[in-house]
Protein backbone atom coordinates (compact mmCIF):
# COMPACT_ATOMS: atom_id res chain seq x y z
CA MET A 1 -45.43 -32.33 -24.67
CA ARG A 2 -43.02 -34.75 -23.77
CA SER A 3 -42.78 -37.75 -24.71
CA PHE A 4 -41.88 -40.93 -23.23
CA GLN A 5 -39.20 -42.59 -25.00
CA PRO A 6 -39.00 -46.02 -23.08
CA GLY A 7 -35.50 -47.35 -26.05
CA ARG A 8 -33.47 -44.80 -24.26
CA ARG A 9 -33.79 -45.49 -20.85
CA VAL A 10 -33.25 -48.71 -21.08
CA LEU A 11 -30.11 -47.78 -23.40
CA GLY A 12 -28.78 -45.24 -20.69
CA ALA A 13 -29.40 -48.23 -18.71
CA LEU A 14 -27.20 -51.22 -20.24
CA SER A 15 -24.80 -48.58 -20.91
CA THR A 16 -24.23 -47.13 -17.50
CA ALA A 17 -23.80 -51.46 -16.77
CA LEU A 18 -22.01 -52.57 -19.20
CA ALA A 19 -19.23 -49.87 -17.95
CA ALA A 20 -19.55 -51.35 -14.57
CA THR A 21 -18.44 -54.25 -15.25
CA LEU A 22 -15.68 -53.77 -17.44
CA MET A 23 -14.19 -51.28 -14.53
CA LEU A 24 -15.46 -54.19 -12.30
CA GLY A 25 -13.91 -56.65 -14.72
CA ALA A 26 -10.63 -54.45 -14.89
CA PHE A 27 -10.23 -53.85 -11.19
CA ALA A 28 -10.05 -57.83 -11.10
CA MET A 29 -7.27 -57.99 -13.35
CA VAL A 30 -5.33 -55.70 -11.13
CA GLY A 31 -5.50 -57.69 -7.81
CA GLY A 32 -8.58 -56.02 -6.73
CA PHE A 33 -8.48 -55.79 -3.01
CA ASP A 34 -6.06 -58.96 -3.05
CA ASP A 35 -2.96 -56.99 -1.90
CA LEU A 36 -5.07 -54.80 0.55
CA GLN A 37 -3.36 -55.60 4.02
CA ILE A 38 -4.89 -52.98 6.25
CA GLY A 39 -2.70 -52.11 10.03
CA ILE A 40 0.62 -54.46 8.20
CA VAL A 41 3.34 -52.73 7.86
CA GLU A 42 6.21 -54.95 6.71
CA ALA A 43 9.77 -53.16 6.84
CA ALA A 44 11.45 -53.46 3.62
CA PRO A 45 14.34 -55.22 3.47
CA SER A 46 17.55 -52.97 3.29
CA ALA A 47 19.23 -53.09 -0.60
CA ALA A 48 22.73 -55.26 -0.37
CA ALA A 49 25.22 -52.93 -0.97
CA THR A 50 27.00 -52.66 -3.62
CA THR A 51 29.51 -50.01 -3.67
CA ILE A 52 31.78 -48.86 -1.38
CA THR A 53 31.13 -44.74 -0.43
CA GLY A 54 33.56 -43.15 1.80
CA ILE A 55 36.53 -44.14 3.65
CA SER A 56 37.00 -41.48 6.64
CA VAL A 57 40.56 -41.17 8.90
CA SER A 58 41.24 -40.05 12.06
CA SER A 59 44.53 -38.33 12.06
CA THR A 60 44.75 -39.87 15.70
CA CYS A 61 46.99 -42.95 16.21
CA ASP A 62 45.31 -46.04 18.38
CA ALA A 63 46.25 -47.74 21.23
CA ALA A 64 48.39 -49.73 19.16
CA GLY A 65 50.23 -46.29 17.12
CA GLY A 66 48.01 -46.66 14.18
CA PHE A 67 45.20 -45.24 12.00
CA THR A 68 42.38 -45.83 12.56
CA GLY A 69 38.22 -44.72 10.97
CA VAL A 70 35.39 -46.34 9.50
CA VAL A 71 34.02 -47.61 6.20
CA THR A 72 31.06 -46.57 4.56
CA LEU A 73 28.86 -48.96 2.26
CA ASP A 74 25.79 -47.64 -0.11
CA GLY A 75 23.91 -50.35 1.86
CA SER A 76 24.15 -53.91 3.60
CA PHE A 77 26.92 -56.56 3.07
CA SER A 78 29.06 -59.24 4.60
CA GLY A 79 32.18 -59.65 4.11
CA GLN A 80 35.68 -58.17 4.28
CA ILE A 81 37.43 -55.59 2.28
CA THR A 82 41.24 -55.20 2.44
CA LEU A 83 42.89 -51.35 3.50
CA GLY A 84 46.37 -50.46 3.14
CA VAL A 85 48.11 -46.79 4.41
CA PHE A 86 49.52 -45.09 1.50
CA TYR A 87 51.86 -42.22 1.43
CA HIS A 88 53.37 -38.82 -0.44
CA THR A 89 56.12 -37.02 -0.56
CA PRO A 90 56.75 -33.83 -2.00
CA GLY A 91 58.38 -33.39 -5.36
CA THR A 92 56.41 -36.98 -6.96
CA SER A 93 53.19 -37.42 -8.16
CA GLY A 94 50.79 -40.02 -6.43
CA PHE A 95 50.36 -42.12 -3.56
CA PHE A 96 52.00 -45.13 -2.87
CA PRO A 97 52.13 -48.31 -0.33
CA THR A 98 54.24 -48.50 3.48
CA GLY A 99 52.82 -52.06 3.28
CA ASP A 100 50.62 -51.40 6.42
CA GLN A 101 47.30 -53.87 5.77
CA THR A 102 44.03 -54.23 7.81
CA THR A 103 40.96 -55.96 7.41
CA VAL A 104 37.88 -54.51 7.93
CA SER A 105 34.43 -56.81 8.38
CA PHE A 106 31.20 -56.60 7.61
CA SER A 107 28.51 -58.21 9.49
CA GLY A 108 25.03 -57.50 7.41
CA GLY A 109 25.93 -53.71 8.07
CA SER A 110 26.56 -50.88 5.30
CA SER A 111 29.55 -49.58 7.67
CA ALA A 112 32.57 -51.03 10.23
CA THR A 113 35.44 -49.70 11.71
CA TYR A 114 38.68 -50.55 10.97
CA ALA A 115 42.21 -49.87 13.15
CA PHE A 116 45.37 -50.51 11.96
CA SER A 117 47.73 -52.13 14.56
CA THR A 118 51.11 -50.84 12.90
CA PHE A 119 51.81 -47.07 11.89
CA THR A 120 54.88 -46.54 9.20
CA GLN A 121 56.03 -43.34 9.02
CA VAL A 122 57.86 -42.84 6.55
CA ASN A 123 61.24 -40.66 5.85
CA GLY A 124 60.43 -37.33 4.15
CA ALA A 125 56.23 -38.29 3.44
CA ASN A 126 54.13 -35.35 4.21
CA THR A 127 50.61 -37.56 4.24
CA TYR A 128 48.71 -40.41 4.56
CA ARG A 129 45.81 -41.77 2.75
CA ILE A 130 43.91 -44.65 3.58
CA GLN A 131 42.73 -46.18 0.04
CA VAL A 132 40.97 -50.46 -0.78
CA ILE A 133 43.87 -52.83 -1.36
CA ASN A 134 40.53 -55.59 -1.77
CA SER A 135 37.08 -54.26 -2.32
CA GLY A 136 35.90 -58.01 -1.12
CA GLY A 137 33.98 -57.82 -4.98
CA LEU A 138 32.62 -54.14 -4.02
CA GLY A 139 33.41 -51.62 -6.39
CA GLY A 140 34.55 -48.44 -5.44
CA ALA A 141 37.86 -49.83 -5.37
CA THR A 142 39.77 -46.82 -6.37
CA VAL A 143 37.67 -44.83 -2.84
CA LYS A 144 40.38 -42.92 -0.81
CA SER A 145 40.79 -41.76 2.63
CA ASN A 146 40.99 -37.23 3.02
CA SER A 147 45.13 -37.13 3.40
CA VAL A 148 46.05 -36.41 6.65
CA PRO A 149 49.09 -35.72 8.46
CA PRO A 150 51.27 -38.86 10.01
CA CYS A 151 49.67 -40.01 13.30
CA THR A 152 50.26 -39.18 15.83
CA GLY A 153 48.98 -40.57 19.09
CA THR A 154 49.15 -40.02 22.61
CA THR A 155 52.98 -38.92 23.77
CA THR A 156 55.05 -41.89 25.53
CA THR A 157 58.06 -40.44 28.32
CA THR A 158 60.99 -42.16 28.66
CA THR A 159 62.65 -41.32 32.22
CA THR A 160 66.09 -42.93 32.26
CA THR A 161 67.73 -42.44 35.78
CA SER A 162 71.52 -43.38 36.34
CA SER A 163 74.04 -42.66 39.85
CA THR A 164 76.92 -42.55 39.71
CA SER A 165 79.40 -43.24 42.98
CA THR A 166 82.86 -41.90 43.55
CA THR A 167 84.98 -42.97 46.44
CA THR A 168 88.09 -40.69 46.93
CA THR A 169 90.18 -40.49 50.33
CA GLY A 170 87.18 -40.81 52.25
CA THR A 171 84.99 -38.70 50.41
CA THR A 172 82.49 -39.76 48.71
CA THR A 173 80.90 -37.79 46.11
CA THR A 174 77.31 -38.90 44.46
CA VAL A 175 76.01 -38.21 40.83
CA THR A 176 72.45 -38.84 39.65
CA THR A 177 71.04 -37.77 36.25
CA THR A 178 68.14 -37.56 35.47
CA GLY A 179 66.85 -37.02 31.69
CA THR A 180 63.11 -37.44 29.61
CA THR A 181 63.31 -39.02 26.22
CA PRO A 182 60.05 -38.20 24.33
């Protein structure tokens, strides 16, 4: 026959109650259900930018005649950075400033478009690139665009017309010259 041992049953119940109390206490200490928000989803705030991550450049000039492109950052930013156009000539080791600069403004986004108002072509230069002149407090001050040939825009054609008239004893000769200058 099996003997009845009341002490073991009580000891088992007490150990289970103690374990449950300890787990409930630990659950309450780490916040319990306090942070559980059913049905509410909040968007994570966008991270503030710390670095300029890229500069793209188009080899086609804009309407004003300069390079265009996009500056990208690793997060959101409100402020300005300054870019410059740099050139390279064969036989030299490096890129040099043309003097053309533009300011890029960010209004809480992670990318912004730039457009240089001019393009100063340097004699003998074979490639150009866009570089950071002032990073506005961001890292990535050494980021550069790819090298591109001199920017080209839509071809502007100027037509010149001149007329010359000569009168000699009753005879009139008219000469009209039309030329196209690229």
